[in-house]
Protein backbone atom coordinates (compact mmCIF):
# COMPACT_ATOMS: atom_id res chain seq x y z
CA MET A 1 169.00 5.00 52.67
CA TYR A 2 172.99 6.00 52.07
CA PRO A 3 174.09 9.25 51.76
CA SER A 4 175.32 10.23 48.73
CA SER A 5 175.86 13.24 46.90
CA GLU A 6 174.10 11.07 43.16
CA PRO A 7 171.84 9.21 44.31
CA ILE A 8 172.49 4.64 44.69
CA ASP A 9 171.74 3.08 41.72
CA LEU A 10 169.56 -0.23 43.91
CA SER A 11 170.72 -2.38 41.02
CA VAL A 12 174.34 -1.89 41.68
CA LEU A 13 173.38 -1.66 45.03
CA ARG A 14 173.06 -5.85 45.13
CA LEU A 15 174.97 -6.34 43.09
CA VAL A 16 177.63 -5.14 45.14
CA GLN A 17 176.24 -6.47 48.17
CA GLY A 18 175.79 -10.25 46.32
CA LYS A 19 179.83 -10.13 45.75
CA SER A 20 180.74 -8.88 48.63
CA LEU A 21 182.31 -10.00 52.00
CA VAL A 22 182.49 -7.33 55.29
CA ARG A 23 185.44 -7.90 57.64
CA ILE A 24 184.65 -6.49 61.16
CA VAL A 25 187.82 -6.11 62.98
CA ASP A 26 187.71 -6.09 66.86
CA ASP A 27 187.70 -6.21 70.77
CA ASP A 28 184.94 -5.27 71.52
CA GLU A 29 182.19 -8.51 70.25
CA THR A 30 179.30 -6.17 71.31
CA VAL A 31 180.93 -3.51 69.69
CA ALA A 32 181.64 -5.91 66.29
CA LYS A 33 177.64 -7.02 66.40
CA SER A 34 176.41 -4.14 66.93
CA TYR A 35 178.07 -3.28 63.18
CA GLU A 36 177.28 -6.77 61.89
CA PHE A 37 173.86 -6.10 62.80
CA MET A 38 172.84 -3.16 60.93
CA LEU A 39 174.86 -4.13 58.06
CA ARG A 40 172.69 -7.53 57.84
CA CYS A 41 169.80 -6.13 58.11
CA SER A 42 170.90 -3.85 54.77
CA GLY A 43 171.62 -6.67 52.94
CA TRP A 44 175.01 -7.07 53.51
CA ASN A 45 177.14 -10.30 54.80
CA CYS A 46 179.45 -10.01 57.14
CA ARG A 47 182.26 -12.35 59.26
CA ILE A 48 183.43 -10.49 62.33
CA PHE A 49 186.91 -11.70 63.69
CA ASN A 50 188.42 -10.66 67.55
CA SER A 51 191.97 -9.61 66.33
CA ALA A 52 194.56 -8.71 63.96
CA GLU A 53 195.53 -12.12 64.42
CA ASP A 54 192.50 -14.07 63.50
CA TYR A 55 192.07 -11.94 60.93
CA LEU A 56 195.16 -12.19 59.28
CA ALA A 57 194.70 -16.07 59.40
CA SER A 58 191.44 -16.24 57.40
CA GLU A 59 192.63 -17.06 53.83
CA ASN A 60 189.51 -15.85 52.18
CA VAL A 61 189.84 -13.46 49.10
CA GLN A 62 186.38 -12.75 48.43
CA ILE A 63 185.30 -9.12 47.38
CA GLY A 64 184.37 -6.59 49.80
CA CYS A 65 185.73 -4.80 53.36
CA LEU A 66 187.65 -3.69 56.23
CA ILE A 67 186.26 -1.94 59.16
CA LEU A 68 188.99 -1.68 61.67
CA ASP A 69 189.66 -1.00 65.23
CA VAL A 70 192.72 1.77 66.00
CA ARG A 71 192.96 0.19 69.14
CA MET A 72 193.26 -3.58 70.14
CA PRO A 73 195.18 -6.39 72.00
CA GLY A 74 198.26 -7.33 70.14
CA LEU A 75 198.31 -5.46 66.40
CA SER A 76 196.44 -2.19 66.77
CA GLY A 77 194.24 -1.44 63.65
CA LEU A 78 197.15 0.89 62.03
CA GLN A 79 200.17 -2.27 62.31
CA LEU A 80 197.46 -4.11 60.34
CA GLN A 81 196.78 -1.95 57.84
CA GLN A 82 200.52 -1.99 57.63
CA LYS A 83 201.41 -5.16 57.77
CA LEU A 84 198.75 -6.03 55.09
CA GLU A 85 200.28 -3.40 52.65
CA ILE A 86 203.75 -5.92 53.15
CA LEU A 87 201.87 -8.74 52.14
CA GLU A 88 200.64 -6.81 49.07
CA ARG A 89 197.26 -8.19 50.55
CA GLU A 90 195.10 -5.20 49.29
CA ILE A 91 191.07 -4.27 50.45
CA PRO A 92 189.36 -0.82 51.47
CA ILE A 93 190.03 -0.48 55.25
CA ILE A 94 187.24 1.73 57.00
CA PHE A 95 188.73 2.47 60.68
CA VAL A 96 186.85 2.78 63.58
CA THR A 97 187.85 3.98 66.77
CA GLY A 98 186.83 5.60 70.11
CA HIS A 99 190.02 7.25 70.58
CA GLY A 100 191.26 9.10 67.28
CA ASP A 101 193.08 12.36 65.92
CA VAL A 102 194.37 13.88 63.42
CA ASP A 103 197.84 12.77 63.46
CA MET A 104 196.52 9.11 63.67
CA ALA A 105 194.10 9.65 60.95
CA VAL A 106 195.96 10.76 58.33
CA LEU A 107 198.47 8.07 58.84
CA ALA A 108 195.39 6.02 57.77
CA LEU A 109 194.39 7.51 54.96
CA LYS A 110 198.09 7.93 53.05
CA ARG A 111 198.94 4.60 53.62
CA GLY A 112 195.14 4.63 51.39
CA ALA A 113 192.37 3.59 54.18
CA GLN A 114 188.84 4.33 52.68
CA ASP A 115 187.74 6.24 55.83
CA PHE A 116 188.51 6.99 59.04
CA MET A 117 185.31 7.08 62.02
CA LEU A 118 184.72 8.35 65.35
CA LYS A 119 182.87 5.94 67.41
CA PRO A 120 180.06 5.74 67.60
CA VAL A 121 180.34 5.95 64.44
CA ASP A 122 176.58 7.52 61.94
CA PRO A 123 175.15 4.39 61.14
CA GLN A 124 174.12 5.93 57.17
CA ARG A 125 178.15 7.24 56.73
CA LEU A 126 179.22 3.54 57.82
CA LYS A 127 177.23 2.01 55.40
CA GLY A 128 177.60 4.80 52.42
CA ALA A 129 181.26 3.88 53.57
CA VAL A 130 180.57 0.09 53.19
CA PHE A 131 179.29 0.56 50.36
CA GLN A 132 181.88 2.84 47.84
CA ALA A 133 184.68 0.14 49.31
CA CYS A 134 182.99 -2.56 47.75
CA GLN A 135 182.55 -1.64 45.11
CA SER A 136 186.01 0.25 44.49
CA ASP A 137 186.77 -3.56 45.70
CA LEU A 138 184.53 -5.23 42.57
CA LEU A 139 185.68 -2.89 40.06
CA HIS A 140 189.28 -2.38 40.61
CA PHE A 141 188.88 -6.94 40.82
CA LEU A 142 187.32 -6.66 37.42
CA ARG A 143 189.37 -4.32 35.83
CA SER A 144 192.74 -7.38 37.04
CA GLN A 145 190.46 -9.86 35.39
CA LYS A 146 190.11 -7.87 31.63
CA GLU A 147 194.17 -7.20 32.16
CA GLU A 148 194.72 -10.30 33.00
CA ALA A 149 192.58 -11.47 29.73
CA GLU A 150 193.96 -9.49 27.65
CA ARG A 151 197.40 -10.69 28.53
CA GLU A 152 196.51 -14.21 27.48
CA ALA A 153 194.86 -13.42 24.58
CA THR A 154 198.10 -11.06 23.58
CA SER A 155 200.33 -14.15 24.60
CA SER A 156 198.08 -16.57 22.10
CA LEU A 157 199.30 -14.41 19.68
CA SER A 158 201.28 -16.28 17.97
CA GLN A 159 205.48 -15.18 16.30
CA ARG A 160 204.25 -14.10 12.81
CA GLU A 161 200.84 -12.22 14.22
CA ARG A 162 203.11 -10.72 17.21
CA GLU A 163 205.39 -9.27 13.85
CA VAL A 164 202.07 -8.63 11.94
CA ALA A 165 199.97 -6.67 15.41
CA GLN A 166 203.51 -5.19 16.22
CA LEU A 167 204.43 -3.40 12.17
CA LEU A 168 200.34 -2.98 12.33
CA ALA A 169 200.23 -0.77 15.42
CA GLN A 170 203.46 1.20 13.41
CA GLY A 171 200.96 2.12 11.16
CA LEU A 172 202.13 0.20 8.64
CA LEU A 173 200.32 -0.73 5.48
CA TYR A 174 199.11 -4.23 4.17
CA LYS A 175 201.80 -3.60 1.11
CA GLN A 176 204.43 -2.43 3.67
CA ILE A 177 204.16 -5.01 5.60
CA ALA A 178 203.83 -8.29 3.52
CA GLU A 179 207.29 -6.04 1.60
CA ARG A 180 208.91 -6.35 4.97
CA LEU A 181 208.03 -10.07 5.77
CA GLY A 182 208.65 -11.26 2.80
CA CYS A 183 205.02 -12.99 2.02
CA SER A 184 201.80 -11.22 0.20
CA GLU A 185 199.46 -8.58 0.83
CA ARG A 186 196.61 -11.72 0.86
CA THR A 187 198.81 -13.06 3.86
CA VAL A 188 199.32 -10.81 6.07
CA LYS A 189 195.53 -9.97 6.17
CA PHE A 190 194.63 -14.02 6.80
CA HIS A 191 196.75 -12.78 10.61
CA LYS A 192 195.16 -9.59 10.68
CA ALA A 193 191.95 -11.60 10.55
CA ARG A 194 193.76 -13.88 13.19
CA ILE A 195 194.80 -11.02 16.21
CA ALA A 196 191.40 -9.35 15.70
CA GLU A 197 189.80 -12.51 16.69
CA LYS A 198 191.83 -13.67 19.38
CA LEU A 199 192.26 -10.10 21.12
CA GLY A 200 188.86 -9.56 20.41
CA VAL A 201 188.96 -6.28 17.79
CA LYS A 202 188.72 -5.21 14.83
CA THR A 203 191.35 -1.64 13.37
CA SER A 204 193.98 -1.72 13.69
CA ALA A 205 194.34 1.32 15.79
CA GLU A 206 192.95 -0.72 18.55
CA ILE A 207 195.70 -3.60 18.54
CA ALA A 208 197.79 -0.96 18.24
CA LEU A 209 195.87 0.28 21.57
CA ARG A 210 195.90 -3.51 22.63
CA LEU A 211 199.52 -3.96 22.10
CA SER A 212 200.33 -1.31 24.36
CA SER A 213 197.82 -1.36 27.12
CA THR A 214 199.66 -5.00 27.48
CA ALA A 215 202.72 -4.46 28.10
CA LYS A 216 201.97 -1.09 30.72
CA ASN A 217 200.56 -3.95 32.28
CA LYS A 218 203.09 -6.27 32.57
């Protein structure tokens, strides 16, 4: 059903399809509807936009991808890609065109396009590209959610817990931390248990890794 170097797990495919919306931006309604019909028959949810301007006016932030024609009245596909980058509206883009050339394809891919296809498109290639694009967007979303949850967990630490966490991350022993902070080892162990609970980790090494990861993702 989908050409790939590795078979696609159907459970993964259904999961991605259930969470994704494929946006089709093409001024040729016949072409757009043909893509929509093909993809809906394969289990994808789709929405058609007749112009780049119509797409920009939409506010749907659902996970998915964008099938984008290159040449259209008003904003072209490449101009829309650039506009989305400026607006920081990240979405995987699959370009389709009947008027492409090497320079155009190189530019689109250099700007981060998922794929660049010439019309008439190969149905299996398009469906494969849609799956890869939507899966990529879903994974990006899940990573972002995980990073946000980790930031919130780290920010929930009290000032003293943060101090203990930083000293643990430096490799200090309980006794050394207790001397540094003027408290008992028992208190340090209590703080470590609270830190581990809040961060969802167990060891000092994991605490160090979490602090480092959170600092990088700020």
